[in-house]
Amino acid sequence: MERYKNLDGNSAVYSYELRPNAIAVKFDGTSQIYVYSYPRAGHTFVEQMKLLAISGRGLNSFIQMNVRRLYDR
C-alpha cells in the first residue's frame, strides 16, 4: 500500500492501494483494510476516490460523505 500524502494534515486515511476495479483504504488506528469496488461503491465514486488518493487531499471527506458503508464485506 502507498502512504496517503494527507496534504491537509487532518485525514484519517493512512494508506491506499489502487486496483483495476477498486481502491483499498487503510485508516489510522486500525489494521482493517476497506475495499471500495465498482460493484458496491460504483465506478464513478471509485474513480473519484483514486484521483483524490493520488492528489493526497480530500479522500477521507469524500468517503464520509459518499461511500462510507459501501465497502466490500
C-alpha atoms as a PDB file:
ATOM      1  CA  MET A   1       0.000   0.000   0.000  1.00  0.00           C
ATOM      2  CA  GLU A   2       1.079   3.544  -0.632  1.00  0.00           C
ATOM      3  CA  ARG A   3       1.153   6.098   2.164  1.00  0.00           C
ATOM      4  CA  TYR A   4      -1.510   8.790   1.785  1.00  0.00           C
ATOM      5  CA  LYS A   5       0.066  12.263   1.496  1.00  0.00           C
ATOM      6  CA  ASN A   6      -2.545  13.926   3.745  1.00  0.00           C
ATOM      7  CA  LEU A   7      -1.751  17.407   2.480  1.00  0.00           C
ATOM      8  CA  ASP A   8      -4.445  18.996   4.649  1.00  0.00           C
ATOM      9  CA  GLY A   9      -2.952  17.322   7.720  1.00  0.00           C
ATOM     10  CA  ASN A  10      -6.210  16.128   9.257  1.00  0.00           C
ATOM     11  CA  SER A  11      -7.175  12.965   7.373  1.00  0.00           C
ATOM     12  CA  ALA A  12      -7.962   9.631   8.974  1.00  0.00           C
ATOM     13  CA  VAL A  13      -6.682   7.878   5.831  1.00  0.00           C
ATOM     14  CA  TYR A  14      -3.283   6.262   6.407  1.00  0.00           C
ATOM     15  CA  SER A  15      -2.616   4.453   3.127  1.00  0.00           C
ATOM     16  CA  TYR A  16      -4.266   3.236  -0.054  1.00  0.00           C
ATOM     17  CA  GLU A  17      -3.825   0.817  -2.923  1.00  0.00           C
ATOM     18  CA  LEU A  18      -5.178   1.347  -6.416  1.00  0.00           C
ATOM     19  CA  ARG A  19      -6.670  -1.742  -8.034  1.00  0.00           C
ATOM     20  CA  PRO A  20      -8.126  -2.124 -11.541  1.00  0.00           C
ATOM     21  CA  ASN A  21     -11.761  -2.065 -10.344  1.00  0.00           C
ATOM     22  CA  ALA A  22     -11.354  -0.853  -6.783  1.00  0.00           C
ATOM     23  CA  ILE A  23      -9.393   1.098  -4.218  1.00  0.00           C
ATOM     24  CA  ALA A  24      -8.267  -0.288  -0.870  1.00  0.00           C
ATOM     25  CA  VAL A  25      -8.025   2.156   2.035  1.00  0.00           C
ATOM     26  CA  LYS A  26      -6.443   1.770   5.463  1.00  0.00           C
ATOM     27  CA  PHE A  27      -7.343   4.256   8.179  1.00  0.00           C
ATOM     28  CA  ASP A  28      -5.202   5.408  11.116  1.00  0.00           C
ATOM     29  CA  GLY A  29      -5.578   3.305  14.218  1.00  0.00           C
ATOM     30  CA  THR A  30      -6.982   0.204  12.548  1.00  0.00           C
ATOM     31  CA  SER A  31      -5.494  -2.855  10.913  1.00  0.00           C
ATOM     32  CA  GLN A  32      -8.558  -3.409   8.738  1.00  0.00           C
ATOM     33  CA  ILE A  33      -8.384  -2.601   5.042  1.00  0.00           C
ATOM     34  CA  TYR A  34     -11.564  -1.332   3.389  1.00  0.00           C
ATOM     35  CA  VAL A  35     -12.009  -2.168  -0.289  1.00  0.00           C
ATOM     36  CA  TYR A  36     -14.345   0.045  -2.290  1.00  0.00           C
ATOM     37  CA  SER A  37     -15.140  -1.653  -5.602  1.00  0.00           C
ATOM     38  CA  TYR A  38     -17.146  -0.873  -8.742  1.00  0.00           C
ATOM     39  CA  PRO A  39     -19.949  -3.335  -7.924  1.00  0.00           C
ATOM     40  CA  ARG A  40     -20.539  -1.973  -4.421  1.00  0.00           C
ATOM     41  CA  ALA A  41     -19.493   1.704  -4.463  1.00  0.00           C
ATOM     42  CA  GLY A  42     -19.896   2.397  -8.170  1.00  0.00           C
ATOM     43  CA  HIS A  43     -17.468   3.170 -10.963  1.00  0.00           C
ATOM     44  CA  THR A  44     -17.760   6.948 -10.690  1.00  0.00           C
ATOM     45  CA  PHE A  45     -17.148   7.070  -6.934  1.00  0.00           C
ATOM     46  CA  VAL A  46     -14.223   4.619  -7.063  1.00  0.00           C
ATOM     47  CA  GLU A  47     -12.527   6.552  -9.844  1.00  0.00           C
ATOM     48  CA  GLN A  48     -13.005   9.828  -7.938  1.00  0.00           C
ATOM     49  CA  MET A  49     -11.509   8.221  -4.839  1.00  0.00           C
ATOM     50  CA  LYS A  50      -8.475   7.131  -6.871  1.00  0.00           C
ATOM     51  CA  LEU A  51      -7.912  10.703  -8.044  1.00  0.00           C
ATOM     52  CA  LEU A  52      -8.240  12.044  -4.506  1.00  0.00           C
ATOM     53  CA  ALA A  53      -5.858   9.385  -3.178  1.00  0.00           C
ATOM     54  CA  ILE A  54      -3.221  10.286  -5.741  1.00  0.00           C
ATOM     55  CA  SER A  55      -3.635  14.009  -5.056  1.00  0.00           C
ATOM     56  CA  GLY A  56      -3.313  13.481  -1.292  1.00  0.00           C
ATOM     57  CA  ARG A  57      -6.258  15.681  -0.433  1.00  0.00           C
ATOM     58  CA  GLY A  58      -9.976  15.145   0.254  1.00  0.00           C
ATOM     59  CA  LEU A  59     -10.211  11.350   0.318  1.00  0.00           C
ATOM     60  CA  ASN A  60     -11.438  10.976   3.894  1.00  0.00           C
ATOM     61  CA  SER A  61     -14.112  13.656   3.449  1.00  0.00           C
ATOM     62  CA  PHE A  62     -15.271  12.075   0.205  1.00  0.00           C
ATOM     63  CA  ILE A  63     -15.542   8.662   1.849  1.00  0.00           C
ATOM     64  CA  GLN A  64     -17.516  10.057   4.796  1.00  0.00           C
ATOM     65  CA  MET A  65     -19.941  11.971   2.561  1.00  0.00           C
ATOM     66  CA  ASN A  66     -20.441   9.473  -0.281  1.00  0.00           C
ATOM     67  CA  VAL A  67     -19.354   5.875   0.263  1.00  0.00           C
ATOM     68  CA  ARG A  68     -18.923   5.419   3.984  1.00  0.00           C
ATOM     69  CA  ARG A  69     -20.523   1.956   4.270  1.00  0.00           C
ATOM     70  CA  LEU A  70     -20.241   0.899   0.617  1.00  0.00           C
ATOM     71  CA  TYR A  71     -17.055  -1.110   1.108  1.00  0.00           C
ATOM     72  CA  ASP A  72     -16.911  -4.810   0.206  1.00  0.00           C
ATOM     73  CA  ARG A  73     -17.815  -7.115   3.046  1.00  0.00           C
END
